[in-house]
């Protein structure tokens, strides 16, 4: 097998924006993550129930 060496990066992320302090704080806040998780699951459950009931 021949190995192909490609010096170019696949994706250049050097100019990607860094998260703000508020974004990082929100990502590390477990109560906020729990609330979002519960809200998302309730909305999915509501959607599934509506689909099964045919409304």
PDB file of N, CA and C in Angstrom:
ATOM      1  N   UNK A   1       0.843  -1.188   0.000  1.00  0.00           N
ATOM      2  CA  UNK A   1       0.000   0.000   0.000  1.00  0.00           C
ATOM      3  C   UNK A   1       0.875   1.234   0.000  1.00  0.00           C
ATOM      4  N   UNK A   2       0.501   2.181  -0.801  1.00  0.00           N
ATOM      5  CA  UNK A   2       1.254   3.430  -0.800  1.00  0.00           C
ATOM      6  C   UNK A   2       0.537   4.443   0.090  1.00  0.00           C
ATOM      7  N   UNK A   3       1.314   5.162   0.848  1.00  0.00           N
ATOM      8  CA  UNK A   3       0.753   6.150   1.764  1.00  0.00           C
ATOM      9  C   UNK A   3       0.800   7.523   1.090  1.00  0.00           C
ATOM     10  N   UNK A   4      -0.342   8.166   1.040  1.00  0.00           N
ATOM     11  CA  UNK A   4      -0.425   9.485   0.431  1.00  0.00           C
ATOM     12  C   UNK A   4      -0.300  10.522   1.532  1.00  0.00           C
ATOM     13  N   UNK A   5       0.681  11.408   1.388  1.00  0.00           N
ATOM     14  CA  UNK A   5       0.859  12.465   2.384  1.00  0.00           C
ATOM     15  C   UNK A   5       0.293  13.756   1.829  1.00  0.00           C
ATOM     16  N   UNK A   6      -0.641  14.299   2.551  1.00  0.00           N
ATOM     17  CA  UNK A   6      -1.298  15.529   2.141  1.00  0.00           C
ATOM     18  C   UNK A   6      -1.017  16.584   3.209  1.00  0.00           C
ATOM     19  N   UNK A   7      -0.180  17.568   2.910  1.00  0.00           N
ATOM     20  CA  UNK A   7       0.146  18.563   3.921  1.00  0.00           C
ATOM     21  C   UNK A   7      -0.974  19.570   4.189  1.00  0.00           C
ATOM     22  N   UNK A   8      -1.971  19.626   3.321  1.00  0.00           N
ATOM     23  CA  UNK A   8      -3.058  20.575   3.484  1.00  0.00           C
ATOM     24  C   UNK A   8      -4.068  20.043   4.499  1.00  0.00           C
ATOM     25  N   UNK A   9      -4.561  20.902   5.398  1.00  0.00           N
ATOM     26  CA  UNK A   9      -5.602  20.460   6.332  1.00  0.00           C
ATOM     27  C   UNK A   9      -6.923  20.221   5.592  1.00  0.00           C
ATOM     28  N   UNK A  10      -7.711  19.332   6.124  1.00  0.00           N
ATOM     29  CA  UNK A  10      -9.003  19.036   5.512  1.00  0.00           C
ATOM     30  C   UNK A  10      -9.946  20.209   5.708  1.00  0.00           C
ATOM     31  N   UNK A  11      -9.961  20.761   6.925  1.00  0.00           N
ATOM     32  CA  UNK A  11     -10.816  21.893   7.242  1.00  0.00           C
ATOM     33  C   UNK A  11      -9.978  22.912   7.997  1.00  0.00           C
ATOM     34  N   UNK A  12     -10.046  24.155   7.562  1.00  0.00           N
ATOM     35  CA  UNK A  12      -9.306  25.214   8.243  1.00  0.00           C
ATOM     36  C   UNK A  12     -10.229  25.889   9.252  1.00  0.00           C
ATOM     37  N   UNK A  13      -9.971  25.646  10.541  1.00  0.00           N
ATOM     38  CA  UNK A  13     -10.806  26.247  11.582  1.00  0.00           C
ATOM     39  C   UNK A  13     -10.078  27.375  12.308  1.00  0.00           C
ATOM     40  N   UNK A  14      -8.964  27.824  11.751  1.00  0.00           N
ATOM     41  CA  UNK A  14      -8.188  28.853  12.423  1.00  0.00           C
ATOM     42  C   UNK A  14      -8.936  30.178  12.515  1.00  0.00           C
ATOM     43  N   UNK A  15      -9.883  30.419  11.615  1.00  0.00           N
ATOM     44  CA  UNK A  15     -10.636  31.672  11.636  1.00  0.00           C
ATOM     45  C   UNK A  15     -12.036  31.506  12.217  1.00  0.00           C
ATOM     46  N   UNK A  16     -12.315  30.365  12.823  1.00  0.00           N
ATOM     47  CA  UNK A  16     -13.621  30.131  13.428  1.00  0.00           C
ATOM     48  C   UNK A  16     -13.771  30.998  14.679  1.00  0.00           C
ATOM     49  N   UNK A  17     -14.965  31.521  14.937  1.00  0.00           N
ATOM     50  CA  UNK A  17     -15.154  32.357  16.121  1.00  0.00           C
ATOM     51  C   UNK A  17     -15.081  31.537  17.401  1.00  0.00           C
ATOM     52  N   UNK A  18     -14.523  32.135  18.436  1.00  0.00           N
ATOM     53  CA  UNK A  18     -14.448  31.481  19.737  1.00  0.00           C
ATOM     54  C   UNK A  18     -15.728  31.770  20.509  1.00  0.00           C
ATOM     55  N   UNK A  19     -16.161  30.842  21.355  1.00  0.00           N
ATOM     56  CA  UNK A  19     -17.383  31.083  22.131  1.00  0.00           C
ATOM     57  C   UNK A  19     -17.162  32.208  23.149  1.00  0.00           C
ATOM     58  N   UNK A  20     -18.226  32.939  23.421  1.00  0.00           N
ATOM     59  CA  UNK A  20     -18.154  34.020  24.401  1.00  0.00           C
ATOM     60  C   UNK A  20     -18.173  33.437  25.807  1.00  0.00           C
ATOM     61  N   UNK A  21     -17.914  34.296  26.793  1.00  0.00           N
ATOM     62  CA  UNK A  21     -17.943  33.843  28.190  1.00  0.00           C
ATOM     63  C   UNK A  21     -19.333  33.355  28.568  1.00  0.00           C
ATOM     64  N   UNK A  22     -20.358  34.041  28.054  1.00  0.00           N
ATOM     65  CA  UNK A  22     -21.730  33.618  28.346  1.00  0.00           C
ATOM     66  C   UNK A  22     -22.057  32.260  27.755  1.00  0.00           C
ATOM     67  N   UNK A  23     -21.571  32.006  26.553  1.00  0.00           N
ATOM     68  CA  UNK A  23     -21.797  30.709  25.911  1.00  0.00           C
ATOM     69  C   UNK A  23     -21.105  29.604  26.697  1.00  0.00           C
ATOM     70  N   UNK A  24     -19.879  29.849  27.100  1.00  0.00           N
ATOM     71  CA  UNK A  24     -19.157  28.839  27.879  1.00  0.00           C
ATOM     72  C   UNK A  24     -19.835  28.587  29.219  1.00  0.00           C
ATOM     73  N   UNK A  25     -20.326  29.660  29.853  1.00  0.00           N
ATOM     74  CA  UNK A  25     -21.008  29.511  31.137  1.00  0.00           C
ATOM     75  C   UNK A  25     -22.277  28.677  30.963  1.00  0.00           C
ATOM     76  N   UNK A  26     -23.022  28.930  29.873  1.00  0.00           N
ATOM     77  CA  UNK A  26     -24.250  28.174  29.615  1.00  0.00           C
ATOM     78  C   UNK A  26     -23.945  26.705  29.344  1.00  0.00           C
ATOM     79  N   UNK A  27     -22.832  26.431  28.668  1.00  0.00           N
ATOM     80  CA  UNK A  27     -22.469  25.042  28.370  1.00  0.00           C
ATOM     81  C   UNK A  27     -22.067  24.273  29.618  1.00  0.00           C
ATOM     82  N   UNK A  28     -21.574  24.971  30.636  1.00  0.00           N
ATOM     83  CA  UNK A  28     -21.124  24.301  31.857  1.00  0.00           C
ATOM     84  C   UNK A  28     -22.166  24.315  32.969  1.00  0.00           C
ATOM     85  N   UNK A  29     -23.277  24.986  32.756  1.00  0.00           N
ATOM     86  CA  UNK A  29     -24.316  25.118  33.778  1.00  0.00           C
ATOM     87  C   UNK A  29     -25.245  23.896  33.737  1.00  0.00           C
ATOM     88  N   UNK A  30     -25.081  23.004  34.692  1.00  0.00           N
ATOM     89  CA  UNK A  30     -25.874  21.774  34.698  1.00  0.00           C
ATOM     90  C   UNK A  30     -27.375  22.016  34.886  1.00  0.00           C
ATOM     91  N   UNK A  31     -27.810  22.940  35.767  1.00  0.00           N
ATOM     92  CA  UNK A  31     -29.253  23.181  35.871  1.00  0.00           C
ATOM     93  C   UNK A  31     -29.867  23.664  34.554  1.00  0.00           C
ATOM     94  N   UNK A  32     -29.155  24.515  33.825  1.00  0.00           N
ATOM     95  CA  UNK A  32     -29.655  24.988  32.532  1.00  0.00           C
ATOM     96  C   UNK A  32     -29.721  23.843  31.533  1.00  0.00           C
ATOM     97  N   UNK A  33     -28.710  22.997  31.515  1.00  0.00           N
ATOM     98  CA  UNK A  33     -28.708  21.845  30.608  1.00  0.00           C
ATOM     99  C   UNK A  33     -29.853  20.897  30.941  1.00  0.00           C
ATOM    100  N   UNK A  34     -30.099  20.695  32.233  1.00  0.00           N
ATOM    101  CA  UNK A  34     -31.192  19.814  32.652  1.00  0.00           C
ATOM    102  C   UNK A  34     -32.542  20.384  32.205  1.00  0.00           C
ATOM    103  N   UNK A  35     -32.727  21.700  32.395  1.00  0.00           N
ATOM    104  CA  UNK A  35     -33.989  22.331  31.985  1.00  0.00           C
ATOM    105  C   UNK A  35     -34.196  22.209  30.480  1.00  0.00           C
ATOM    106  N   UNK A  36     -33.151  22.432  29.697  1.00  0.00           N
ATOM    107  CA  UNK A  36     -33.269  22.302  28.241  1.00  0.00           C
ATOM    108  C   UNK A  36     -33.560  20.861  27.846  1.00  0.00           C
ATOM    109  N   UNK A  37     -32.915  19.908  28.530  1.00  0.00           N
ATOM    110  CA  UNK A  37     -33.126  18.492  28.253  1.00  0.00           C
ATOM    111  C   UNK A  37     -34.577  18.105  28.519  1.00  0.00           C
ATOM    112  N   UNK A  38     -35.096  18.528  29.666  1.00  0.00           N
ATOM    113  CA  UNK A  38     -36.477  18.202  30.023  1.00  0.00           C
ATOM    114  C   UNK A  38     -37.448  18.855  29.035  1.00  0.00           C
ATOM    115  N   UNK A  39     -37.201  20.118  28.702  1.00  0.00           N
ATOM    116  CA  UNK A  39     -38.076  20.808  27.749  1.00  0.00           C
ATOM    117  C   UNK A  39     -38.084  20.141  26.388  1.00  0.00           C
ATOM    118  N   UNK A  40     -36.902  19.749  25.916  1.00  0.00           N
ATOM    119  CA  UNK A  40     -36.813  19.076  24.618  1.00  0.00           C
ATOM    120  C   UNK A  40     -37.554  17.745  24.652  1.00  0.00           C
ATOM    121  N   UNK A  41     -37.361  16.974  25.730  1.00  0.00           N
ATOM    122  CA  UNK A  41     -38.027  15.676  25.821  1.00  0.00           C
ATOM    123  C   UNK A  41     -39.545  15.817  25.920  1.00  0.00           C
ATOM    124  N   UNK A  42     -40.007  16.846  26.618  1.00  0.00           N
ATOM    125  CA  UNK A  42     -41.450  17.065  26.688  1.00  0.00           C
ATOM    126  C   UNK A  42     -42.021  17.421  25.317  1.00  0.00           C
ATOM    127  N   UNK A  43     -41.308  18.235  24.562  1.00  0.00           N
ATOM    128  CA  UNK A  43     -41.808  18.596  23.234  1.00  0.00           C
ATOM    129  C   UNK A  43     -41.805  17.387  22.298  1.00  0.00           C
ATOM    130  N   UNK A  44     -40.800  16.535  22.401  1.00  0.00           N
ATOM    131  CA  UNK A  44     -40.766  15.325  21.565  1.00  0.00           C
ATOM    132  C   UNK A  44     -41.888  14.366  21.965  1.00  0.00           C
ATOM    133  N   UNK A  45     -42.110  14.231  23.264  1.00  0.00           N
ATOM    134  CA  UNK A  45     -43.183  13.356  23.741  1.00  0.00           C
ATOM    135  C   UNK A  45     -44.532  13.865  23.254  1.00  0.00           C
ATOM    136  N   UNK A  46     -44.722  15.176  23.324  1.00  0.00           N
ATOM    137  CA  UNK A  46     -45.971  15.787  22.846  1.00  0.00           C
ATOM    138  C   UNK A  46     -46.171  15.507  21.359  1.00  0.00           C
ATOM    139  N   UNK A  47     -45.104  15.609  20.577  1.00  0.00           N
ATOM    140  CA  UNK A  47     -45.185  15.373  19.140  1.00  0.00           C
ATOM    141  C   UNK A  47     -45.537  13.906  18.855  1.00  0.00           C
ATOM    142  N   UNK A  48     -44.924  12.990  19.575  1.00  0.00           N
ATOM    143  CA  UNK A  48     -45.190  11.563  19.369  1.00  0.00           C
ATOM    144  C   UNK A  48     -46.628  11.226  19.751  1.00  0.00           C
ATOM    145  N   UNK A  49     -47.091  11.771  20.867  1.00  0.00           N
ATOM    146  CA  UNK A  49     -48.470  11.502  21.296  1.00  0.00           C
ATOM    147  C   UNK A  49     -49.463  12.042  20.279  1.00  0.00           C
ATOM    148  N   UNK A  50     -49.209  13.251  19.772  1.00  0.00           N
ATOM    149  CA  UNK A  50     -50.105  13.797  18.750  1.00  0.00           C
ATOM    150  C   UNK A  50     -50.106  12.945  17.493  1.00  0.00           C
ATOM    151  N   UNK A  51     -48.942  12.397  17.139  1.00  0.00           N
ATOM    152  CA  UNK A  51     -48.859  11.542  15.959  1.00  0.00           C
ATOM    153  C   UNK A  51     -49.630  10.244  16.135  1.00  0.00           C
ATOM    154  N   UNK A  52     -49.581   9.699  17.339  1.00  0.00           N
ATOM    155  CA  UNK A  52     -50.288   8.434  17.592  1.00  0.00           C
ATOM    156  C   UNK A  52     -51.793   8.659  17.687  1.00  0.00           C
ATOM    157  N   UNK A  53     -52.200   9.816  18.184  1.00  0.00           N
ATOM    158  CA  UNK A  53     -53.628  10.088  18.313  1.00  0.00           C
ATOM    159  C   UNK A  53     -54.254  10.605  17.029  1.00  0.00           C
ATOM    160  N   UNK A  54     -53.421  11.013  16.078  1.00  0.00           N
ATOM    161  CA  UNK A  54     -53.920  11.482  14.801  1.00  0.00           C
ATOM    162  C   UNK A  54     -54.485  12.884  14.826  1.00  0.00           C
ATOM    163  N   UNK A  55     -54.001  13.720  15.725  1.00  0.00           N
ATOM    164  CA  UNK A  55     -54.512  15.103  15.792  1.00  0.00           C
ATOM    165  C   UNK A  55     -53.636  16.006  14.993  1.00  0.00           C
TER     166      UNK A  55
END
